[in-house]
Amino acid sequence: NDQAETVLLRLLRGSGAKGLGGIYPVLEGKVARPFLNLTRAEVEAELSRRKLGFRLDSSNRDVRFLRNKVRAELLPLLFILCRGQQISLYQLLHRLSRASRPRFHE
């Protein structure tokens, strides 16, 4: 979900191809974000399966921050407008981010 939010935010801000690449999963040759392409539900399911807890930052609910507003208001609206195709919207934003990255950042 972070990738979808990031790509959408950068699209709204008028970013070029590099910015639309979103959050890069590999940074300086090291795997930096192994769960980047998982949805929140998938991460929570894996944590549950492994009987691990997680922490929720209360500031993530504060819609005064643009990312939170996108998460809480814009993405749900887009899902409604896309006739509930949440996965398709995430896939579209993910494909856009991958297509915008130089090949050596895969």
Protein backbone atom coordinates (compact mmCIF):
# COMPACT_ATOMS: atom_id res chain seq x y z
CA ASN A 1 0.00 0.00 0.00
CA ASP A 2 2.94 2.34 0.65
CA GLN A 3 4.02 2.01 -2.97
CA ALA A 4 0.53 2.86 -4.26
CA GLU A 5 0.32 5.88 -1.95
CA THR A 6 3.77 7.10 -2.96
CA VAL A 7 3.19 6.77 -6.71
CA LEU A 8 -0.20 8.47 -6.45
CA LEU A 9 1.22 11.33 -4.38
CA ARG A 10 4.05 11.85 -6.85
CA LEU A 11 1.65 11.68 -9.78
CA LEU A 12 -0.49 14.38 -8.17
CA ARG A 13 2.61 16.52 -7.58
CA GLY A 14 3.63 16.24 -11.22
CA SER A 15 6.73 14.11 -10.74
CA GLY A 16 8.72 12.92 -13.70
CA ALA A 17 9.64 9.32 -14.50
CA LYS A 18 12.16 8.98 -11.68
CA GLY A 19 9.66 10.17 -9.09
CA LEU A 20 6.94 7.91 -10.47
CA GLY A 21 9.34 5.04 -9.83
CA GLY A 22 8.02 5.26 -6.29
CA ILE A 23 9.89 3.68 -3.43
CA TYR A 24 12.78 1.66 -4.76
CA PRO A 25 12.89 -1.87 -3.31
CA VAL A 26 16.69 -2.06 -3.58
CA LEU A 27 18.90 0.72 -2.29
CA GLU A 28 22.61 0.83 -3.06
CA GLY A 29 22.66 -2.85 -3.97
CA LYS A 30 21.11 -4.00 -0.70
CA VAL A 31 17.56 -5.24 -0.18
CA ALA A 32 16.07 -2.42 1.80
CA ARG A 33 12.33 -3.06 1.62
CA PRO A 34 11.42 -6.74 1.20
CA PHE A 35 7.71 -6.22 1.97
CA LEU A 36 7.26 -3.19 -0.27
CA ASN A 37 5.00 -4.87 -2.81
CA LEU A 38 2.75 -6.51 -0.24
CA THR A 39 -0.54 -5.02 0.80
CA ARG A 40 -1.15 -4.15 4.42
CA ALA A 41 -3.53 -7.10 4.67
CA GLU A 42 -0.81 -9.46 3.40
CA VAL A 43 1.72 -8.11 5.92
CA GLU A 44 -0.80 -8.40 8.76
CA ALA A 45 -1.67 -11.97 7.71
CA GLU A 46 2.02 -12.95 7.73
CA LEU A 47 2.53 -11.36 11.14
CA SER A 48 -0.49 -13.24 12.44
CA ARG A 49 0.74 -16.52 10.97
CA ARG A 50 4.08 -16.02 12.72
CA LYS A 51 2.34 -14.85 15.91
CA LEU A 52 4.14 -11.51 15.82
CA GLY A 53 2.71 -8.20 16.95
CA PHE A 54 2.97 -4.85 15.21
CA ARG A 55 2.85 -1.24 16.24
CA LEU A 56 0.51 1.38 14.87
CA ASP A 57 1.74 4.98 14.86
CA SER A 58 -1.14 7.24 15.93
CA SER A 59 0.07 9.99 13.57
CA ASN A 60 -0.86 7.73 10.63
CA ARG A 61 -4.51 8.59 11.28
CA ASP A 62 -4.00 12.35 11.20
CA VAL A 63 -5.42 13.53 7.86
CA ARG A 64 -3.67 16.89 8.19
CA PHE A 65 -0.73 15.03 6.63
CA LEU A 66 -1.17 14.62 2.88
CA ARG A 67 -0.09 10.95 2.75
CA ASN A 68 -2.65 10.10 5.42
CA LYS A 69 -5.36 12.04 3.59
CA VAL A 70 -4.55 10.09 0.42
CA ARG A 71 -4.66 6.81 2.39
CA ALA A 72 -7.86 7.60 4.29
CA GLU A 73 -9.85 9.54 1.70
CA LEU A 74 -8.48 9.56 -1.86
CA LEU A 75 -7.60 5.87 -2.28
CA PRO A 76 -10.99 4.69 -0.92
CA LEU A 77 -12.72 7.12 -3.30
CA LEU A 78 -10.66 5.84 -6.22
CA PHE A 79 -11.61 2.26 -5.28
CA ILE A 80 -15.29 3.25 -5.41
CA LEU A 81 -14.81 4.98 -8.76
CA CYS A 82 -12.95 1.90 -10.04
CA ARG A 83 -15.97 -0.18 -9.00
CA GLY A 84 -14.21 -1.72 -6.04
CA GLN A 85 -11.22 -2.97 -7.99
CA GLN A 86 -8.72 -2.31 -5.19
CA ILE A 87 -6.25 -4.91 -6.40
CA SER A 88 -6.39 -3.59 -9.97
CA LEU A 89 -5.70 -0.04 -8.77
CA TYR A 90 -2.73 -1.22 -6.70
CA GLN A 91 -1.49 -3.26 -9.65
CA LEU A 92 -1.81 -0.26 -11.97
CA LEU A 93 0.16 1.99 -9.59
CA HIS A 94 2.76 -0.76 -9.07
CA ARG A 95 3.18 -1.24 -12.85
CA LEU A 96 3.54 2.52 -13.27
CA SER A 97 6.28 2.61 -10.63
CA ARG A 98 8.17 -0.32 -12.19
CA ALA A 99 7.89 1.11 -15.69
CA SER A 100 9.28 4.44 -14.48
CA ARG A 101 12.42 2.95 -12.89
CA PRO A 102 15.73 2.50 -14.62
CA ARG A 103 16.31 -1.24 -15.16
CA PHE A 104 19.26 -1.39 -12.75
CA HIS A 105 16.97 -0.53 -9.81
CA GLU A 106 14.76 -3.64 -10.15
